[in-house]
Protein backbone atom coordinates (compact mmCIF):
# COMPACT_ATOMS: atom_id res chain seq x y z
CA MET A 1 16.38 30.90 -19.79
CA GLU A 2 17.52 27.75 -18.00
CA PRO A 3 14.92 24.98 -17.71
CA ILE A 4 13.41 24.66 -14.25
CA ARG A 5 14.22 21.31 -12.64
CA ILE A 6 12.49 20.10 -9.52
CA HIS A 7 14.34 17.58 -7.35
CA VAL A 8 12.82 15.32 -4.72
CA GLN A 9 14.49 17.36 -1.98
CA ASP A 10 12.82 20.50 -3.35
CA LEU A 11 9.42 18.86 -3.02
CA THR A 12 9.92 18.51 0.73
CA HIS A 13 10.18 22.30 0.96
CA LEU A 14 6.93 22.62 -1.01
CA LEU A 15 4.93 20.27 1.22
CA PRO A 16 2.65 23.05 2.61
CA GLU A 17 1.60 24.04 -0.91
CA MET A 18 1.40 20.45 -2.20
CA THR A 19 -0.84 19.48 0.72
CA LEU A 20 -3.42 22.06 -0.33
CA VAL A 21 -3.22 21.02 -4.00
CA ILE A 22 -3.67 17.32 -3.20
CA THR A 23 -6.50 18.01 -0.72
CA ALA A 24 -8.37 20.22 -3.21
CA ILE A 25 -8.06 17.62 -6.00
CA LEU A 26 -9.15 14.71 -3.81
CA LEU A 27 -12.13 16.62 -2.41
CA SER A 28 -13.26 17.74 -5.86
CA VAL A 29 -13.15 14.15 -7.13
CA LEU A 30 -15.03 12.86 -4.08
CA ASP A 31 -17.63 15.60 -4.45
CA LEU A 32 -18.07 14.68 -8.11
CA PHE A 33 -18.96 11.06 -7.33
CA LEU A 34 -21.24 11.73 -4.35
CA LEU A 35 -24.97 11.51 -4.87
CA LYS A 36 -26.81 14.82 -5.12
CA GLY A 37 -28.76 14.48 -1.86
CA VAL A 38 -25.74 13.68 0.33
CA ASN A 39 -24.77 16.39 2.85
CA ARG A 40 -21.46 18.01 1.86
CA LYS A 41 -20.58 19.55 5.24
CA TRP A 42 -17.97 16.84 5.88
CA ILE A 43 -16.01 18.28 2.92
CA GLY A 44 -15.54 21.39 5.04
CA TRP A 45 -14.09 19.31 7.88
CA LEU A 46 -11.69 17.58 5.45
CA SER A 47 -10.66 20.98 4.05
CA LEU A 48 -9.96 22.08 7.60
CA ALA A 49 -7.85 18.95 8.16
CA GLY A 50 -5.85 19.69 4.99
CA ILE A 51 -5.14 23.21 6.22
CA ALA A 52 -4.05 21.85 9.62
CA VAL A 53 -1.54 19.52 7.93
CA SER A 54 -0.24 22.42 5.81
CA ILE A 55 0.19 24.54 8.96
CA ALA A 56 2.22 21.73 10.53
CA PHE A 57 4.55 21.62 7.51
CA VAL A 58 5.02 25.41 7.60
CA ILE A 59 5.86 25.32 11.32
CA ALA A 60 8.46 22.62 10.60
CA GLN A 61 10.15 24.99 8.13
CA LEU A 62 10.32 28.00 10.47
CA ASN A 63 13.67 29.63 11.24
CA PRO A 64 15.93 28.01 8.62
CA ASP A 65 19.66 28.71 8.74
CA GLN A 66 19.31 30.43 5.39
CA ALA A 67 16.59 31.13 2.87
CA ILE A 68 15.85 28.12 0.67
CA VAL A 69 15.69 29.09 -3.01
CA LEU A 70 13.72 26.90 -5.41
CA LEU A 71 12.51 26.84 -9.02
CA ASN A 72 15.43 28.67 -10.60
CA GLU A 73 15.47 31.31 -7.83
CA SER A 74 11.82 32.20 -8.40
CA TYR A 75 10.49 30.81 -5.10
CA ARG A 76 11.86 31.32 -1.60
CA VAL A 77 11.20 29.47 1.63
CA ASP A 78 12.09 32.01 4.33
CA ASP A 79 10.57 33.34 7.52
CA PHE A 80 8.96 36.31 5.77
CA GLY A 81 6.91 33.86 3.71
CA ASN A 82 6.50 31.30 6.51
CA LEU A 83 5.06 33.78 9.00
CA LEU A 84 2.63 35.16 6.43
CA LYS A 85 1.64 31.63 5.37
CA LEU A 86 0.79 30.80 8.98
CA ALA A 87 -1.38 33.93 9.15
CA PHE A 88 -3.17 33.08 5.88
CA LEU A 89 -3.70 29.41 6.76
CA GLY A 90 -4.85 30.22 10.29
CA GLY A 91 -7.28 32.86 9.00
CA THR A 92 -8.66 30.48 6.36
CA ALA A 93 -9.10 27.75 8.99
CA LEU A 94 -11.18 30.15 11.09
CA ILE A 95 -13.25 31.11 8.05
CA ILE A 96 -13.94 27.44 7.21
CA LEU A 97 -14.89 26.79 10.84
CA MET A 98 -17.19 29.80 10.68
CA SER A 99 -18.73 28.44 7.49
CA LEU A 100 -19.42 25.03 9.02
CA GLY A 101 -21.83 26.72 11.41
CA SER A 102 -23.53 28.91 8.82
CA VAL A 103 -23.34 27.73 5.20
CA GLU A 104 -26.21 25.47 4.21
CA ASP A 105 -27.11 23.72 0.95
CA GLY A 106 -30.01 26.09 0.37
CA GLU A 107 -27.84 29.20 0.69
CA ILE A 108 -25.04 28.15 -1.69
CA PRO A 109 -25.99 25.75 -4.50
CA HIS A 110 -22.67 23.87 -4.45
CA VAL A 111 -21.48 23.68 -0.85
CA GLY A 112 -18.73 21.16 -1.61
CA GLU A 113 -17.21 23.45 -4.21
CA TYR A 114 -17.33 26.34 -1.77
CA TYR A 115 -15.14 24.54 0.75
CA TYR A 116 -12.45 23.23 -1.58
CA PHE A 117 -12.32 26.45 -3.61
CA LEU A 118 -10.95 28.13 -0.50
CA LEU A 119 -7.87 25.88 -0.71
CA PRO A 120 -6.52 27.12 -4.08
CA ALA A 121 -7.40 30.65 -3.01
CA VAL A 122 -5.19 30.47 0.08
CA LEU A 123 -2.59 28.59 -2.00
CA GLY A 124 -2.40 31.65 -4.27
CA ALA A 125 -1.82 33.82 -1.20
CA MET A 126 0.99 31.50 -0.06
CA VAL A 127 2.65 31.62 -3.48
CA MET A 128 2.51 35.41 -3.38
CA ALA A 129 4.23 35.43 0.03
CA SER A 130 7.15 33.29 -1.19
CA SER A 131 7.61 34.63 -4.73
CA ALA A 132 10.97 36.07 -5.71
CA ASP A 133 10.08 36.47 -9.37
CA LEU A 134 7.51 38.56 -11.20
CA ILE A 135 6.11 35.52 -13.01
CA THR A 136 5.48 33.35 -9.94
CA LEU A 137 4.20 36.43 -8.16
CA PHE A 138 1.63 37.07 -10.88
CA VAL A 139 0.65 33.39 -11.05
CA GLY A 140 -0.10 33.43 -7.30
CA LEU A 141 -2.02 36.69 -7.68
CA GLU A 142 -4.23 35.34 -10.44
CA LEU A 143 -4.82 32.03 -8.67
CA LEU A 144 -6.10 33.96 -5.67
CA SER A 145 -8.07 36.43 -7.81
CA ILE A 146 -9.83 33.92 -10.08
CA THR A 147 -10.92 31.66 -7.22
CA SER A 148 -12.10 34.75 -5.31
CA TYR A 149 -14.26 35.77 -8.27
CA VAL A 150 -15.93 32.35 -8.19
CA LEU A 151 -16.43 32.43 -4.42
CA VAL A 152 -18.07 35.88 -4.56
CA ALA A 153 -20.55 34.59 -7.17
CA MET A 154 -21.45 31.39 -5.27
CA LYS A 155 -24.99 32.64 -4.59
CA LYS A 156 -25.99 32.30 -8.23
CA LYS A 157 -29.65 33.19 -7.70
CA ASN A 158 -28.91 36.29 -5.63
CA THR A 159 -28.99 39.49 -7.69
CA ARG A 160 -26.78 41.45 -5.30
CA SER A 161 -24.19 38.65 -5.31
CA ASN A 162 -24.16 38.58 -9.11
CA GLU A 163 -23.77 42.36 -9.27
CA GLY A 164 -20.88 42.31 -6.79
CA ALA A 165 -19.16 39.47 -8.64
CA PHE A 166 -19.50 41.28 -11.97
CA LYS A 167 -17.95 44.45 -10.56
CA TYR A 168 -15.20 42.44 -8.90
CA VAL A 169 -14.31 40.56 -12.11
CA ILE A 170 -14.22 43.70 -14.27
CA LEU A 171 -12.28 45.90 -11.87
CA GLY A 172 -10.08 43.01 -10.77
CA GLY A 173 -9.16 42.28 -14.38
CA ILE A 174 -8.32 45.94 -14.98
CA SER A 175 -6.14 46.10 -11.86
CA SER A 176 -4.30 42.91 -12.88
CA ALA A 177 -3.66 44.45 -16.29
CA VAL A 178 -2.27 47.60 -14.64
CA ILE A 179 0.02 45.48 -12.44
CA LEU A 180 1.20 43.49 -15.45
CA TYR A 181 1.86 46.69 -17.38
CA GLY A 182 3.94 48.05 -14.49
CA MET A 183 5.89 44.77 -14.32
CA SER A 184 6.60 44.95 -18.06
CA PHE A 185 8.62 48.14 -17.55
CA LEU A 186 10.75 46.42 -14.91
CA TYR A 187 11.32 43.50 -17.27
CA GLY A 188 12.21 45.88 -20.09
CA ILE A 189 14.77 47.65 -17.91
CA ALA A 190 16.42 44.52 -16.48
CA GLY A 191 15.79 41.85 -19.12
CA THR A 192 14.77 39.45 -16.33
CA THR A 193 11.84 38.80 -14.03
CA ASN A 194 13.90 37.89 -10.95
CA LEU A 195 13.50 40.55 -8.25
CA GLY A 196 17.13 40.40 -7.11
CA ALA A 197 18.43 40.78 -10.65
CA ILE A 198 15.99 43.64 -11.31
CA GLN A 199 17.28 45.42 -8.19
CA ALA A 200 20.87 45.08 -9.42
CA ALA A 201 19.90 46.36 -12.89
CA ILE A 202 18.10 49.37 -11.41
CA VAL A 203 21.17 50.29 -9.36
CA SER A 204 23.53 50.00 -12.33
CA SER A 205 21.38 51.93 -14.84
CA TYR A 206 19.29 54.16 -12.58
CA GLU A 207 19.90 57.46 -14.39
CA SER A 208 19.09 56.01 -17.81
CA TYR A 209 15.74 54.56 -16.78
CA LYS A 210 14.59 56.91 -14.03
CA PRO A 211 11.39 58.10 -15.84
CA LEU A 212 10.41 54.49 -16.64
CA LEU A 213 10.94 53.49 -13.01
CA TYR A 214 8.53 56.20 -11.88
CA VAL A 215 5.91 54.97 -14.36
CA SER A 216 6.43 51.34 -13.33
CA PHE A 217 6.20 51.90 -9.59
CA PHE A 218 3.15 54.15 -9.79
CA LEU A 219 1.37 51.59 -11.98
CA LEU A 220 2.21 48.88 -9.46
CA LEU A 221 0.99 51.08 -6.62
CA ALA A 222 -2.32 51.69 -8.42
CA GLY A 223 -2.82 48.00 -9.22
CA PHE A 224 -1.99 46.76 -5.73
CA GLY A 225 -3.99 49.63 -4.24
CA PHE A 226 -7.05 47.92 -5.76
CA LYS A 227 -6.09 44.55 -4.31
CA ILE A 228 -5.78 45.94 -0.77
CA ALA A 229 -8.89 48.14 -1.20
CA ALA A 230 -7.09 51.35 -0.23
CA ALA A 231 -8.66 54.68 -1.19
CA PRO A 232 -8.83 55.97 -3.88
CA PHE A 233 -8.78 52.43 -5.39
CA HIS A 234 -11.52 51.07 -3.16
CA SER A 235 -14.77 51.58 -5.07
CA TRP A 236 -15.40 47.85 -5.57
CA ALA A 237 -15.15 46.87 -1.90
CA PRO A 238 -18.52 47.96 -0.38
CA ASP A 239 -20.66 46.37 -3.12
CA VAL A 240 -18.60 43.17 -3.29
CA TYR A 241 -18.52 42.80 0.50
CA GLN A 242 -22.27 43.30 0.70
CA GLY A 243 -23.10 40.91 -2.15
CA ALA A 244 -20.78 38.02 -1.31
CA PRO A 245 -21.61 35.29 1.24
CA THR A 246 -20.41 36.54 4.63
CA PRO A 247 -17.57 33.97 5.04
CA VAL A 248 -16.31 34.92 1.57
CA THR A 249 -16.45 38.58 2.56
CA ALA A 250 -14.30 37.73 5.58
CA PHE A 251 -11.82 35.94 3.28
CA LEU A 252 -11.56 38.96 0.98
CA ALA A 253 -11.20 41.31 3.94
CA VAL A 254 -8.27 39.51 5.57
CA ILE A 255 -6.57 36.85 3.40
CA SER A 256 -6.80 38.54 0.00
CA LYS A 257 -5.77 41.87 1.51
CA GLY A 258 -2.89 40.33 3.45
CA ALA A 259 -1.54 38.55 0.36
CA ALA A 260 -1.44 41.83 -1.58
CA PHE A 261 0.55 43.39 1.26
CA ALA A 262 2.99 40.47 1.04
CA ILE A 263 3.68 41.43 -2.59
CA LEU A 264 4.03 45.10 -1.71
CA PHE A 265 6.67 44.28 0.89
CA ARG A 266 8.57 41.98 -1.49
CA VAL A 267 8.55 44.31 -4.47
CA PHE A 268 8.95 47.73 -2.88
CA TYR A 269 11.44 46.72 -0.21
CA VAL A 270 13.59 44.57 -2.48
CA LEU A 271 13.75 47.17 -5.24
CA LEU A 272 13.74 50.42 -3.25
CA ALA A 273 14.59 49.97 0.42
CA LEU A 274 18.37 50.13 0.08
CA GLY A 275 18.22 53.25 -2.10
CA GLN A 276 21.55 52.69 -3.89
CA PHE A 277 20.73 55.06 -6.73
CA GLY A 278 23.16 57.94 -6.32
CA ASP A 279 20.25 60.17 -5.24
CA GLU A 280 17.24 59.41 -3.07
CA GLY A 281 14.63 61.10 -5.27
CA LEU A 282 12.88 57.96 -6.49
CA GLN A 283 12.86 56.33 -3.08
CA LYS A 284 11.50 59.44 -1.35
CA ASP A 285 8.80 60.01 -3.98
CA ILE A 286 7.55 56.42 -3.96
CA PHE A 287 7.40 56.13 -0.19
CA LEU A 288 5.78 59.57 0.00
CA ALA A 289 3.13 58.29 -2.42
CA LEU A 290 2.61 55.27 -0.17
CA SER A 291 2.20 57.63 2.80
CA VAL A 292 -0.39 59.70 0.92
CA VAL A 293 -2.36 56.58 -0.07
CA ALA A 294 -2.23 55.37 3.55
CA ALA A 295 -3.51 58.71 4.85
CA THR A 296 -6.24 58.89 2.18
CA ALA A 297 -7.44 55.39 3.03
CA MET A 298 -7.58 56.15 6.76
CA ILE A 299 -9.45 59.42 6.24
CA TRP A 300 -11.89 58.20 3.61
CA GLY A 301 -12.61 54.80 5.17
CA ASN A 302 -13.33 56.15 8.64
CA THR A 303 -15.39 59.16 7.57
CA VAL A 304 -17.61 57.31 5.09
CA ALA A 305 -18.14 54.47 7.61
CA LEU A 306 -19.92 57.01 9.85
CA ARG A 307 -22.93 56.99 7.53
CA GLN A 308 -23.28 53.22 7.07
CA LYS A 309 -26.21 51.27 8.44
CA ASN A 310 -25.46 47.99 6.67
CA VAL A 311 -22.84 46.17 8.76
CA LYS A 312 -21.11 44.58 5.77
CA ARG A 313 -20.65 47.96 4.13
CA LEU A 314 -19.51 49.42 7.45
CA LEU A 315 -16.88 46.69 7.77
CA ALA A 316 -15.88 47.30 4.15
CA TYR A 317 -15.07 50.94 4.91
CA SER A 318 -13.42 49.85 8.15
CA GLY A 319 -11.26 47.56 6.00
CA ILE A 320 -10.38 50.47 3.72
CA ALA A 321 -9.24 52.44 6.77
CA ASN A 322 -7.26 49.47 8.06
CA ALA A 323 -5.57 49.12 4.68
CA GLY A 324 -4.22 52.60 5.41
CA TYR A 325 -2.96 51.54 8.85
CA LEU A 326 -1.32 48.44 7.36
CA LEU A 327 0.40 50.61 4.74
CA VAL A 328 2.09 52.72 7.41
CA PRO A 329 5.04 50.39 8.17
CA LEU A 330 5.62 50.01 4.43
CA ALA A 331 5.44 53.75 3.85
CA VAL A 332 7.87 54.48 6.70
CA HIS A 333 10.40 52.08 5.04
CA ILE A 334 13.84 51.20 6.39
CA ASN A 335 16.06 53.81 8.02
CA LEU A 336 18.65 54.03 10.78
CA VAL A 337 16.04 54.08 13.56
CA GLN A 338 13.36 51.96 11.88
CA VAL A 339 14.36 48.38 11.02
CA ASP A 340 11.50 46.40 12.59
CA ASN A 341 8.82 47.46 10.09
CA PHE A 342 7.82 43.90 9.26
CA SER A 343 7.42 42.94 12.94
CA LYS A 344 5.02 45.85 13.49
CA PHE A 345 3.15 45.09 10.28
CA PHE A 346 2.82 41.39 11.13
CA PHE A 347 1.57 42.11 14.64
CA TYR A 348 -1.16 44.40 13.34
CA LEU A 349 -1.99 41.95 10.53
CA ILE A 350 -2.60 39.16 13.06
CA ALA A 351 -4.73 41.48 15.18
CA TYR A 352 -6.62 42.62 12.06
CA ILE A 353 -7.31 39.02 10.97
CA LEU A 354 -8.66 38.05 14.39
CA MET A 355 -10.74 41.21 14.85
CA ASN A 356 -12.37 41.04 11.43
CA ILE A 357 -13.08 37.31 11.33
CA GLY A 358 -14.58 37.67 14.81
CA ALA A 359 -16.69 40.64 13.71
CA PHE A 360 -17.98 38.78 10.65
CA THR A 361 -18.75 35.78 12.88
CA VAL A 362 -20.96 37.98 15.09
CA LEU A 363 -22.66 39.31 11.96
CA LEU A 364 -23.27 35.72 10.77
CA ILE A 365 -24.89 34.85 14.10
CA ILE A 366 -27.19 37.87 13.74
CA GLU A 367 -27.96 37.04 10.10
CA LYS A 368 -28.82 33.42 10.87
CA SER A 369 -31.00 34.38 13.82
CA THR A 370 -32.80 37.46 12.48
CA GLY A 371 -32.05 37.68 8.76
CA ASP A 372 -30.86 41.26 9.35
CA GLU A 373 -27.56 42.76 8.10
CA GLU A 374 -28.32 46.24 9.44
CA THR A 375 -26.92 47.65 12.66
CA LYS A 376 -30.44 47.50 14.13
CA GLY A 377 -30.10 43.71 14.04
CA PHE A 378 -27.70 44.07 17.00
CA ALA A 379 -30.40 45.79 19.09
CA GLY A 380 -30.69 44.25 22.52
CA LEU A 381 -28.07 41.59 21.78
CA TYR A 382 -26.83 41.81 25.38
CA TYR A 383 -30.23 40.69 26.65
CA ARG A 384 -30.73 38.01 24.00
CA ALA A 385 -27.20 36.51 23.97
CA PRO A 386 -25.03 38.06 26.71
CA TRP A 387 -21.92 35.93 26.06
CA THR A 388 -22.02 36.64 22.34
CA SER A 389 -22.36 40.36 23.03
CA ALA A 390 -19.39 40.20 25.44
CA ALA A 391 -17.18 38.69 22.74
CA ALA A 392 -18.48 41.26 20.25
CA VAL A 393 -17.56 44.11 22.62
CA VAL A 394 -13.98 42.79 22.91
CA LEU A 395 -13.65 42.68 19.12
CA LEU A 396 -15.22 46.10 18.52
CA LEU A 397 -13.09 47.75 21.20
CA SER A 398 -10.01 46.23 19.59
CA LEU A 399 -11.07 47.47 16.14
CA ALA A 400 -11.49 50.93 17.65
CA GLY A 401 -8.05 50.70 19.29
CA ILE A 402 -9.13 50.96 22.94
CA PRO A 403 -6.59 49.90 25.62
CA VAL A 404 -5.98 47.09 26.47
CA SER A 405 -6.51 45.28 23.15
CA ALA A 406 -4.54 43.88 20.23
CA GLY A 407 -5.81 46.66 17.98
CA PHE A 408 -4.60 49.31 20.42
CA PHE A 409 -1.05 47.97 20.63
CA GLY A 410 -0.94 47.33 16.89
CA LYS A 411 -1.78 50.97 16.15
CA LEU A 412 0.51 52.15 18.94
CA TYR A 413 3.52 50.33 17.47
CA LEU A 414 2.74 51.76 14.02
CA LEU A 415 2.41 55.23 15.53
CA PHE A 416 5.81 54.93 17.24
CA GLY A 417 7.28 54.01 13.87
CA THR A 418 5.94 57.15 12.22
CA MET A 419 7.28 59.29 15.06
CA GLN A 420 10.74 57.69 14.86
CA ALA A 421 10.80 58.37 11.12
CA HIS A 422 9.67 62.00 11.73
CA LEU A 423 6.47 61.50 9.72
CA TYR A 424 4.51 63.52 12.24
CA TRP A 425 1.73 64.40 9.81
CA LEU A 426 1.05 60.71 9.11
CA GLY A 427 1.02 59.98 12.84
CA ALA A 428 -1.47 62.80 13.35
CA VAL A 429 -3.75 61.32 10.66
CA MET A 430 -3.56 57.95 12.41
CA MET A 431 -4.59 59.40 15.76
CA ILE A 432 -7.40 61.61 14.43
CA THR A 433 -8.94 58.90 12.24
CA SER A 434 -8.73 56.37 15.08
CA VAL A 435 -10.77 58.74 17.24
CA ILE A 436 -13.31 59.16 14.42
CA SER A 437 -13.71 55.37 14.23
CA PHE A 438 -14.92 55.29 17.84
CA TYR A 439 -18.27 56.70 16.73
CA TYR A 440 -19.35 53.88 14.40
CA TYR A 441 -17.83 51.04 16.45
CA PHE A 442 -19.48 52.34 19.60
CA GLY A 443 -22.69 52.79 17.60
CA ILE A 444 -22.92 49.00 17.32
CA ILE A 445 -22.15 48.61 21.03
CA ARG A 446 -24.87 51.16 21.80
CA GLN A 447 -27.34 49.05 19.81
CA MET A 448 -26.43 45.95 21.85
CA PHE A 449 -26.83 47.56 25.26
CA MET A 450 -29.11 50.59 24.90
CA ARG A 451 -31.64 49.55 22.27
CA ALA A 452 -34.35 46.89 22.42
CA ASP A 453 -35.30 44.40 19.72
CA LEU A 454 -39.01 45.12 19.33
CA GLU A 455 -39.62 41.73 17.72
CA GLU A 456 -37.76 39.91 20.54
CA ARG A 457 -36.10 37.57 18.06
CA PRO A 458 -34.08 34.80 19.78
CA VAL A 459 -30.37 34.44 18.95
CA SER A 460 -29.00 30.93 18.45
CA VAL A 461 -25.25 30.30 18.22
CA PRO A 462 -24.21 27.11 16.38
CA VAL A 463 -21.21 25.40 17.98
CA PRO A 464 -18.72 26.09 15.11
CA LEU A 465 -19.67 29.77 15.14
CA GLY A 466 -19.32 29.96 18.92
CA ILE A 467 -15.88 28.35 18.78
CA THR A 468 -14.73 30.73 16.03
CA LEU A 469 -16.07 33.76 17.89
CA TRP A 470 -14.39 32.94 21.18
CA LEU A 471 -11.10 31.92 19.52
CA CYS A 472 -10.97 35.33 17.83
CA ALA A 473 -12.07 37.27 20.92
CA GLY A 474 -9.81 35.31 23.28
CA LEU A 475 -6.70 35.63 21.10
CA THR A 476 -7.44 39.33 20.53
CA LEU A 477 -7.63 39.87 24.28
CA LEU A 478 -4.49 37.78 24.87
CA LEU A 479 -2.49 39.79 22.33
CA GLY A 480 -3.65 42.94 24.05
CA LEU A 481 -2.54 41.70 27.46
CA VAL A 482 0.89 40.35 26.43
CA PRO A 483 1.75 41.97 23.08
CA GLY A 484 5.49 41.79 23.64
CA TYR A 485 5.67 38.00 23.32
CA LEU A 486 4.58 37.94 19.67
CA LEU A 487 6.83 40.86 18.74
CA ALA A 488 9.79 39.28 20.53
CA TYR A 489 9.19 35.98 18.73
CA ILE A 490 9.06 37.66 15.31
CA ASP A 491 12.20 39.67 16.02
CA ARG A 492 13.97 36.52 17.19
CA ILE A 493 13.39 34.47 14.05
CA PHE A 494 13.02 37.15 11.35
CA SER A 495 16.08 38.58 9.62
CA LEU A 496 15.66 41.50 7.25
CA THR A 497 18.60 40.61 4.98
CA ARG A 498 17.97 36.84 4.99
CA ASP A 499 14.18 36.73 4.81
CA LEU A 500 13.00 39.81 2.92
CA LEU A 501 15.70 41.53 0.89
CA ILE A 502 16.72 39.61 -2.24
CA LEU A 503 20.19 40.60 -3.36
CA SER A 504 21.58 39.40 -6.66
């Protein structure tokens, strides 16, 4: 293998990632030398500033004339990665802003560490979005995973948090091992870890290695199914979501899940989308398996959510269902009438990030005011905090997919894709499960408007939480009113062959 050489010009293309690394190191050193009694909240503001600078560097790299290949063709700077990086950085910025209005020294023993641990976590997600090699891909995955394990266990004296972290570490380690085992078959077949070279090797020796390819892809599907919390690989999600600090739960629900989808798109589309194998058996079977997992996640997540009274667990099962919806554009794959899969996926991902961070922000406001995580904590919210309840209604209606909202148009675009690909059964599952979800989303709305809080507990909304809530609700409403602008922008700058497919 050729040694990897990094030139000064290459470093300019890595400025978004380097910004996060430098910010995390500087903040950790500053935190180390601060006296114990000094308030660490300003570290959160500096973390937010570091993310803002990283966003600016990503925006500067949008729409290059051609994909920029770095680190011996193992890392790509293209609009597939850039768009996802913007989503991850923007979501993390909202989560940090949410935390500034909720996380106190008494709740998390090491508040400074909490803020700058989010930076390497989102850095891992960014590396996953730009990886063109199995090694860099796995490095990004483990950077995200290990920091997530630490974040989940931040409440060291909380038994439920410790239990959730233990389950997450054990099952996360097993899933990483399954992914690595699946990757080993691809390396054995191709003799390289570069995705483009693996695709070429699969095409040239498809018949000889067909059984091994089936084993490899199903192992990868199982491992990544855990990372996106899609049924039947979802068992960790409800306990981890309930035990983790609420901002960390929001991070797992949107950023960690989105990063795993970035890998799924890279690996499955690069290696399978063109289907140059002489027969289409492998391609059809793998994408059928993805369709089945998507349908299972939608059915299981929405039906089990009907019984949940704890809002964190309810949102966990909602996330399982949404993992199914997000799998739909991947499962449909590329065909003559379906070439804008990524645009539809990205639109729904943005809507999903905004809806969920907003929903967790409302939950944080309720937790801080009443100490209640149950749906009954929302009782009479309209009378106690009418503006907060109005924003919550916008977010819940969007999660349910009610017109006119970002969630509605996101699901509608995905549904059109299934119809164009003649996957009518998958489209039917989408519609039926979306209707089922109305019950538990409207159950929360019913609590806000038709139930009274017998204890008449006041609801206070810290400024950072109010800003986060209304940013999420406002952008969700805006995407629902003018959805075509975002889709048109993605279609204008994104190129399937330049930005996603890696051809050797």
